[in-house]
C-alpha atoms as a PDB file:
ATOM      1  CA  MET A   1      83.820 103.196  21.298  1.00  0.00           C
ATOM      2  CA  GLY A   2      82.389 102.631  17.832  1.00  0.00           C
ATOM      3  CA  LYS A   3      81.519  99.301  16.267  1.00  0.00           C
ATOM      4  CA  LEU A   4      83.160  97.083  13.686  1.00  0.00           C
ATOM      5  CA  ILE A   5      80.542  96.541  11.006  1.00  0.00           C
ATOM      6  CA  CYS A   6      81.572  93.741   8.668  1.00  0.00           C
ATOM      7  CA  PHE A   7      79.882  93.562   5.264  1.00  0.00           C
ATOM      8  CA  GLY A   8      80.525  90.734   2.838  1.00  0.00           C
ATOM      9  CA  ASP A   9      79.554  87.291   1.604  1.00  0.00           C
ATOM     10  CA  SER A  10      80.051  83.783   3.031  1.00  0.00           C
ATOM     11  CA  LEU A  11      83.720  84.531   3.719  1.00  0.00           C
ATOM     12  CA  THR A  12      82.507  87.093   6.258  1.00  0.00           C
ATOM     13  CA  VAL A  13      79.628  84.969   7.575  1.00  0.00           C
ATOM     14  CA  GLY A  14      81.913  82.056   8.444  1.00  0.00           C
ATOM     15  CA  SER A  15      79.225  79.373   8.490  1.00  0.00           C
ATOM     16  CA  ILE A  16      80.932  77.338   5.768  1.00  0.00           C
ATOM     17  CA  GLY A  17      84.615  78.130   6.229  1.00  0.00           C
ATOM     18  CA  TYR A  18      86.215  80.320   8.898  1.00  0.00           C
ATOM     19  CA  SER A  19      85.633  84.072   9.057  1.00  0.00           C
ATOM     20  CA  TYR A  20      88.266  86.532  10.269  1.00  0.00           C
ATOM     21  CA  ILE A  21      85.575  87.683  12.704  1.00  0.00           C
ATOM     22  CA  LYS A  22      85.949  84.507  14.775  1.00  0.00           C
ATOM     23  CA  PHE A  23      89.552  85.427  15.614  1.00  0.00           C
ATOM     24  CA  LEU A  24      89.007  89.185  15.741  1.00  0.00           C
ATOM     25  CA  LYS A  25      86.510  88.764  18.580  1.00  0.00           C
ATOM     26  CA  ALA A  26      89.277  87.391  20.790  1.00  0.00           C
ATOM     27  CA  THR A  27      91.666  90.286  20.153  1.00  0.00           C
ATOM     28  CA  THR A  28      89.580  93.449  20.084  1.00  0.00           C
ATOM     29  CA  SER A  29      87.277  95.295  22.467  1.00  0.00           C
ATOM     30  CA  TYR A  30      85.117  96.584  19.623  1.00  0.00           C
ATOM     31  CA  THR A  31      81.534  95.439  19.329  1.00  0.00           C
ATOM     32  CA  ILE A  32      81.373  93.478  16.072  1.00  0.00           C
ATOM     33  CA  LYS A  33      78.342  93.211  13.796  1.00  0.00           C
ATOM     34  CA  ASN A  34      78.524  90.459  11.200  1.00  0.00           C
ATOM     35  CA  LYS A  35      76.613  91.726   8.155  1.00  0.00           C
ATOM     36  CA  GLY A  36      77.756  89.001   5.796  1.00  0.00           C
ATOM     37  CA  ILE A  37      75.280  87.032   3.690  1.00  0.00           C
ATOM     38  CA  ASN A  38      76.061  83.721   1.988  1.00  0.00           C
ATOM     39  CA  GLY A  39      76.235  84.053  -1.792  1.00  0.00           C
ATOM     40  CA  ASP A  40      76.237  87.860  -1.797  1.00  0.00           C
ATOM     41  CA  THR A  41      77.639  89.827  -4.734  1.00  0.00           C
ATOM     42  CA  THR A  42      79.016  93.347  -5.055  1.00  0.00           C
ATOM     43  CA  SER A  43      75.783  94.851  -6.401  1.00  0.00           C
ATOM     44  CA  MET A  44      73.560  93.144  -3.850  1.00  0.00           C
ATOM     45  CA  MET A  45      75.830  94.069  -0.943  1.00  0.00           C
ATOM     46  CA  TYR A  46      75.933  97.685  -2.059  1.00  0.00           C
ATOM     47  CA  GLY A  47      72.144  97.815  -1.840  1.00  0.00           C
ATOM     48  CA  ARG A  48      72.216  96.363   1.685  1.00  0.00           C
ATOM     49  CA  LEU A  49      74.993  98.728   2.739  1.00  0.00           C
ATOM     50  CA  LYS A  50      73.157 101.765   1.418  1.00  0.00           C
ATOM     51  CA  ARG A  51      69.956 100.849   3.253  1.00  0.00           C
ATOM     52  CA  TYR A  52      71.882 100.139   6.458  1.00  0.00           C
ATOM     53  CA  MET A  53      73.725 103.442   6.405  1.00  0.00           C
ATOM     54  CA  GLU A  54      70.568 105.427   5.762  1.00  0.00           C
ATOM     55  CA  HIS A  55      69.329 104.235   9.164  1.00  0.00           C
ATOM     56  CA  SER A  56      72.655 104.273  11.039  1.00  0.00           C
ATOM     57  CA  ASN A  57      73.828 106.825  13.593  1.00  0.00           C
ATOM     58  CA  SER A  58      76.007 109.137  11.484  1.00  0.00           C
ATOM     59  CA  GLU A  59      77.240 110.984  14.586  1.00  0.00           C
ATOM     60  CA  ARG A  60      79.056 107.870  15.825  1.00  0.00           C
ATOM     61  CA  LYS A  61      82.374 106.924  14.239  1.00  0.00           C
ATOM     62  CA  ASP A  62      82.292 103.241  13.295  1.00  0.00           C
ATOM     63  CA  MET A  63      84.738 101.099  11.313  1.00  0.00           C
ATOM     64  CA  TYR A  64      83.373  99.302   8.262  1.00  0.00           C
ATOM     65  CA  ILE A  65      85.228  96.209   7.026  1.00  0.00           C
ATOM     66  CA  ILE A  66      84.347  95.287   3.449  1.00  0.00           C
ATOM     67  CA  CYS A  67      85.091  91.935   1.810  1.00  0.00           C
ATOM     68  CA  ILE A  68      83.058  91.410  -1.362  1.00  0.00           C
ATOM     69  CA  GLY A  69      83.466  90.453  -5.009  1.00  0.00           C
ATOM     70  CA  THR A  70      84.351  86.749  -5.066  1.00  0.00           C
ATOM     71  CA  ASN A  71      80.889  85.590  -6.118  1.00  0.00           C
ATOM     72  CA  ASP A  72      80.845  87.937  -9.109  1.00  0.00           C
ATOM     73  CA  LEU A  73      83.471  85.583 -10.584  1.00  0.00           C
ATOM     74  CA  LEU A  74      82.653  82.342  -8.761  1.00  0.00           C
ATOM     75  CA  LEU A  75      78.994  82.004  -9.764  1.00  0.00           C
ATOM     76  CA  PRO A  76      79.649  82.479 -13.513  1.00  0.00           C
ATOM     77  CA  TYR A  77      82.582  80.053 -13.222  1.00  0.00           C
ATOM     78  CA  LEU A  78      80.274  77.398 -11.744  1.00  0.00           C
ATOM     79  CA  THR A  79      78.026  77.559 -14.817  1.00  0.00           C
ATOM     80  CA  SER A  80      80.938  76.177 -16.846  1.00  0.00           C
ATOM     81  CA  ILE A  81      81.954  73.120 -14.822  1.00  0.00           C
ATOM     82  CA  SER A  82      78.971  70.803 -15.397  1.00  0.00           C
ATOM     83  CA  PRO A  83      75.449  70.787 -16.878  1.00  0.00           C
ATOM     84  CA  LEU A  84      73.875  70.506 -13.425  1.00  0.00           C
ATOM     85  CA  TRP A  85      75.816  73.495 -12.104  1.00  0.00           C
ATOM     86  CA  ARG A  86      74.824  75.415 -15.243  1.00  0.00           C
ATOM     87  CA  ILE A  87      71.141  74.745 -14.605  1.00  0.00           C
ATOM     88  CA  GLN A  88      71.532  75.683 -10.945  1.00  0.00           C
ATOM     89  CA  MET A  89      73.659  78.786 -11.356  1.00  0.00           C
ATOM     90  CA  THR A  90      72.583  80.457 -14.617  1.00  0.00           C
ATOM     91  CA  PRO A  91      69.418  82.020 -13.127  1.00  0.00           C
ATOM     92  CA  ARG A  92      71.313  82.845  -9.942  1.00  0.00           C
ATOM     93  CA  VAL A  93      73.996  84.766 -11.836  1.00  0.00           C
ATOM     94  CA  LYS A  94      71.241  86.979 -13.232  1.00  0.00           C
ATOM     95  CA  ALA A  95      69.272  87.268  -9.992  1.00  0.00           C
ATOM     96  CA  MET A  96      72.373  88.185  -7.978  1.00  0.00           C
ATOM     97  CA  LYS A  97      73.478  90.748 -10.597  1.00  0.00           C
ATOM     98  CA  CYS A  98      76.980  89.312 -10.974  1.00  0.00           C
ATOM     99  CA  LEU A  99      79.357  91.884 -12.414  1.00  0.00           C
ATOM    100  CA  THR A 100      81.289  90.110 -15.169  1.00  0.00           C
ATOM    101  CA  ASP A 101      82.551  93.366 -16.690  1.00  0.00           C
ATOM    102  CA  ASP A 102      85.517  95.002 -14.932  1.00  0.00           C
ATOM    103  CA  SER A 103      84.356  98.564 -15.602  1.00  0.00           C
ATOM    104  CA  ALA A 104      80.936  97.813 -14.103  1.00  0.00           C
ATOM    105  CA  PHE A 105      82.670  96.204 -11.107  1.00  0.00           C
ATOM    106  CA  GLU A 106      84.828  99.296 -10.581  1.00  0.00           C
ATOM    107  CA  LYS A 107      81.816 101.605 -10.837  1.00  0.00           C
ATOM    108  CA  GLN A 108      79.870  99.630  -8.233  1.00  0.00           C
ATOM    109  CA  TYR A 109      82.852  99.311  -5.895  1.00  0.00           C
ATOM    110  CA  ARG A 110      83.385 103.063  -6.104  1.00  0.00           C
ATOM    111  CA  LYS A 111      79.819 103.515  -4.876  1.00  0.00           C
ATOM    112  CA  ILE A 112      80.642 101.350  -1.849  1.00  0.00           C
ATOM    113  CA  PHE A 113      83.619 103.548  -0.967  1.00  0.00           C
ATOM    114  CA  GLU A 114      81.685 106.776  -1.437  1.00  0.00           C
ATOM    115  CA  THR A 115      78.655 105.586   0.516  1.00  0.00           C
ATOM    116  CA  ILE A 116      80.772 104.816   3.577  1.00  0.00           C
ATOM    117  CA  LEU A 117      83.080 107.816   3.385  1.00  0.00           C
ATOM    118  CA  LEU A 118      80.331 110.352   2.671  1.00  0.00           C
ATOM    119  CA  HIS A 119      78.762 109.255   5.958  1.00  0.00           C
ATOM    120  CA  ASN A 120      82.066 110.175   7.638  1.00  0.00           C
ATOM    121  CA  GLN A 121      82.826 106.602   8.634  1.00  0.00           C
ATOM    122  CA  ASN A 122      86.112 104.695   8.747  1.00  0.00           C
ATOM    123  CA  MET A 123      86.785 101.814   6.379  1.00  0.00           C
ATOM    124  CA  ILE A 124      89.057  98.831   5.787  1.00  0.00           C
ATOM    125  CA  VAL A 125      88.750  96.907   2.524  1.00  0.00           C
ATOM    126  CA  LEU A 126      89.987  93.351   1.994  1.00  0.00           C
ATOM    127  CA  GLY A 127      91.272  92.195  -1.349  1.00  0.00           C
ATOM    128  CA  LEU A 128      89.933  88.952  -2.784  1.00  0.00           C
ATOM    129  CA  SER A 129      91.707  85.691  -1.957  1.00  0.00           C
ATOM    130  CA  HIS A 130      92.985  83.249  -4.559  1.00  0.00           C
ATOM    131  CA  LEU A 131      90.687  80.259  -4.888  1.00  0.00           C
ATOM    132  CA  GLU A 132      91.926  76.680  -4.961  1.00  0.00           C
ATOM    133  CA  LEU A 133      89.312  75.493  -7.450  1.00  0.00           C
ATOM    134  CA  LEU A 134      90.235  73.572 -10.578  1.00  0.00           C
ATOM    135  CA  GLY A 135      90.214  75.930 -13.549  1.00  0.00           C
ATOM    136  CA  PHE A 136      89.125  78.992 -11.584  1.00  0.00           C
ATOM    137  CA  PRO A 137      90.345  82.230 -13.269  1.00  0.00           C
ATOM    138  CA  ASN A 138      92.550  83.689 -10.530  1.00  0.00           C
ATOM    139  CA  ASP A 139      94.040  85.966 -13.188  1.00  0.00           C
ATOM    140  CA  LYS A 140      90.675  87.718 -13.445  1.00  0.00           C
ATOM    141  CA  LEU A 141      90.575  87.896  -9.658  1.00  0.00           C
ATOM    142  CA  ASP A 142      94.008  89.566  -9.664  1.00  0.00           C
ATOM    143  CA  LYS A 143      92.661  92.214 -12.027  1.00  0.00           C
ATOM    144  CA  ARG A 144      89.731  92.846  -9.673  1.00  0.00           C
ATOM    145  CA  ASN A 145      92.188  93.195  -6.793  1.00  0.00           C
ATOM    146  CA  GLY A 146      94.026  95.824  -8.807  1.00  0.00           C
ATOM    147  CA  ILE A 147      90.778  97.773  -9.112  1.00  0.00           C
ATOM    148  CA  ILE A 148      90.028  97.527  -5.384  1.00  0.00           C
ATOM    149  CA  LYS A 149      93.577  98.544  -4.433  1.00  0.00           C
ATOM    150  CA  LYS A 150      93.514 101.509  -6.820  1.00  0.00           C
ATOM    151  CA  LEU A 151      90.251 102.763  -5.305  1.00  0.00           C
ATOM    152  CA  ALA A 152      91.635 102.291  -1.783  1.00  0.00           C
ATOM    153  CA  GLU A 153      94.629 104.440  -2.663  1.00  0.00           C
ATOM    154  CA  GLU A 154      92.420 107.061  -4.313  1.00  0.00           C
ATOM    155  CA  TYR A 155      90.167 107.338  -1.265  1.00  0.00           C
ATOM    156  CA  HIS A 156      92.982 106.894   1.307  1.00  0.00           C
ATOM    157  CA  VAL A 157      91.450 103.712   2.716  1.00  0.00           C
ATOM    158  CA  SER A 158      93.369 100.864   4.362  1.00  0.00           C
ATOM    159  CA  TYR A 159      93.684  97.953   1.930  1.00  0.00           C
ATOM    160  CA  ILE A 160      94.584  94.421   3.014  1.00  0.00           C
ATOM    161  CA  ASP A 161      96.214  92.341   0.284  1.00  0.00           C
ATOM    162  CA  VAL A 162      94.846  88.870   1.022  1.00  0.00           C
ATOM    163  CA  VAL A 163      96.766  87.235  -1.841  1.00  0.00           C
ATOM    164  CA  ALA A 164      99.970  88.604  -0.280  1.00  0.00           C
ATOM    165  CA  ILE A 165      98.925  87.068   3.034  1.00  0.00           C
ATOM    166  CA  GLN A 166      98.440  83.734   1.289  1.00  0.00           C
ATOM    167  CA  SER A 167     101.990  84.014  -0.063  1.00  0.00           C
ATOM    168  CA  GLU A 168     103.380  85.030   3.332  1.00  0.00           C
ATOM    169  CA  LEU A 169     101.884  81.945   4.985  1.00  0.00           C
ATOM    170  CA  ASN A 170     104.191  79.880   2.776  1.00  0.00           C
ATOM    171  CA  ILE A 171     102.262  76.642   3.286  1.00  0.00           C
ATOM    172  CA  ASN A 172     103.577  73.739   1.258  1.00  0.00           C
ATOM    173  CA  GLY A 173     101.480  72.290  -1.514  1.00  0.00           C
ATOM    174  CA  ASN A 174      99.611  73.405  -4.605  1.00  0.00           C
ATOM    175  CA  SER A 175      96.493  71.256  -4.605  1.00  0.00           C
ATOM    176  CA  VAL A 176      93.204  72.318  -6.157  1.00  0.00           C
ATOM    177  CA  TYR A 177      89.693  71.030  -5.556  1.00  0.00           C
ATOM    178  CA  SER A 178      86.800  70.507  -7.948  1.00  0.00           C
ATOM    179  CA  TRP A 179      83.114  71.109  -7.302  1.00  0.00           C
ATOM    180  CA  LYS A 180      82.133  69.217 -10.468  1.00  0.00           C
ATOM    181  CA  ASN A 181      79.385  66.688  -9.710  1.00  0.00           C
ATOM    182  CA  LYS A 182      79.399  67.759  -6.053  1.00  0.00           C
ATOM    183  CA  ASN A 183      76.130  69.716  -5.942  1.00  0.00           C
ATOM    184  CA  LEU A 184      74.576  67.508  -3.261  1.00  0.00           C
ATOM    185  CA  LEU A 185      77.841  67.239  -1.338  1.00  0.00           C
ATOM    186  CA  ARG A 186      78.043  71.045  -1.118  1.00  0.00           C
ATOM    187  CA  LEU A 187      74.566  71.111   0.413  1.00  0.00           C
ATOM    188  CA  PHE A 188      75.369  68.277   2.816  1.00  0.00           C
ATOM    189  CA  GLU A 189      78.603  69.903   3.967  1.00  0.00           C
ATOM    190  CA  GLY A 190      76.794  73.140   4.737  1.00  0.00           C
ATOM    191  CA  ILE A 191      74.500  71.237   7.102  1.00  0.00           C
ATOM    192  CA  VAL A 192      77.340  69.298   8.726  1.00  0.00           C
ATOM    193  CA  PHE A 193      79.407  72.452   9.360  1.00  0.00           C
ATOM    194  CA  ALA A 194      76.556  73.946  11.357  1.00  0.00           C
ATOM    195  CA  PHE A 195      76.678  71.035  13.819  1.00  0.00           C
ATOM    196  CA  ILE A 196      80.344  69.971  13.657  1.00  0.00           C
ATOM    197  CA  PRO A 197      82.377  73.119  12.857  1.00  0.00           C
ATOM    198  CA  GLY A 198      85.607  71.435  13.928  1.00  0.00           C
ATOM    199  CA  ILE A 199      85.532  69.240  10.828  1.00  0.00           C
ATOM    200  CA  LYS A 200      86.340  72.200   8.544  1.00  0.00           C
ATOM    201  CA  ASP A 201      90.103  72.199   9.059  1.00  0.00           C
ATOM    202  CA  TYR A 202      90.110  68.406   8.915  1.00  0.00           C
ATOM    203  CA  LEU A 203      88.641  68.563   5.406  1.00  0.00           C
ATOM    204  CA  SER A 204      91.166  71.197   4.397  1.00  0.00           C
ATOM    205  CA  LYS A 205      93.971  68.910   5.500  1.00  0.00           C
ATOM    206  CA  THR A 206      92.611  65.712   3.940  1.00  0.00           C
ATOM    207  CA  ARG A 207      92.042  67.550   0.640  1.00  0.00           C
ATOM    208  CA  HIS A 208      95.621  68.863   0.782  1.00  0.00           C
ATOM    209  CA  LEU A 209      94.449  72.474   0.462  1.00  0.00           C
ATOM    210  CA  ARG A 210      96.608  75.281   1.792  1.00  0.00           C
ATOM    211  CA  PHE A 211      94.154  78.109   2.447  1.00  0.00           C
ATOM    212  CA  THR A 212      90.620  76.795   2.062  1.00  0.00           C
ATOM    213  CA  ILE A 213      88.412  73.958   3.212  1.00  0.00           C
ATOM    214  CA  ASP A 214      86.732  73.427  -0.158  1.00  0.00           C
ATOM    215  CA  GLY A 215      88.649  75.494  -2.685  1.00  0.00           C
ATOM    216  CA  ALA A 216      86.807  78.731  -1.881  1.00  0.00           C
ATOM    217  CA  HIS A 217      86.082  79.182   1.833  1.00  0.00           C
ATOM    218  CA  TRP A 218      88.945  79.992   4.192  1.00  0.00           C
ATOM    219  CA  ASN A 219      90.487  77.551   6.625  1.00  0.00           C
ATOM    220  CA  SER A 220      91.429  78.757  10.106  1.00  0.00           C
ATOM    221  CA  LYS A 221      95.047  79.542   9.175  1.00  0.00           C
ATOM    222  CA  LEU A 222      94.120  82.078   6.521  1.00  0.00           C
ATOM    223  CA  ALA A 223      91.213  83.534   8.493  1.00  0.00           C
ATOM    224  CA  LYS A 224      93.435  84.103  11.537  1.00  0.00           C
ATOM    225  CA  ALA A 225      96.186  85.682   9.427  1.00  0.00           C
ATOM    226  CA  ILE A 226      93.649  88.112   7.949  1.00  0.00           C
ATOM    227  CA  SER A 227      92.347  88.885  11.434  1.00  0.00           C
ATOM    228  CA  ASP A 228      95.899  89.666  12.579  1.00  0.00           C
ATOM    229  CA  LYS A 229      96.319  92.189   9.726  1.00  0.00           C
ATOM    230  CA  ILE A 230      93.017  93.848  10.606  1.00  0.00           C
ATOM    231  CA  GLN A 231      93.997  94.058  14.248  1.00  0.00           C
ATOM    232  CA  THR A 232      97.269  95.747  13.269  1.00  0.00           C
ATOM    233  CA  ILE A 233      95.330  98.461  11.463  1.00  0.00           C
ATOM    234  CA  LEU A 234      92.867  98.899  14.314  1.00  0.00           C
END
């Protein structure tokens, strides 16, 4: 049996919030490789994917699960919420090659599809989830989801609409969270989660968030629902 090779950012890693991988491990016999990297962007992940596939066994049929693109919008957004975030994130936006232009995003995402499919591999692509951050442009995220879905249809790839899953969960509430003036808290929470992972859902609940623990990273309810959709496809 082939492997499940999961490329993405912190949503795939699962060290901050919950990854779908945590729940997928309990329901599938596939060997799973978590290739997520915290803070990754579409351009940077494409480079990693390309290098990985150049050294992979092309004779074996694996399933690639792709979840990338949130940070292309999130990192530029963070530069606007406070002077300290601007100082912290402005050089990172450039270093991580954030794609702020939709046409550039589509071009790079197309390369991801073609790289996987030209190696005769299977693929599932996840749409981007709505963030629960104050002032975050989810309308721009919806446009990016339209691009990803269109490419999935063009290349006959399974597409999972994560925003639709969020709607299907029908969790009461409409709270948002702000990272303004929380630079040090974000760092502290990352350390705490490594030692006390059970506190993640507690924070989600106390902050009255429906799908995330901090406005961006998934809580267990959303991560499990995404895992269930993946398992259905598998």
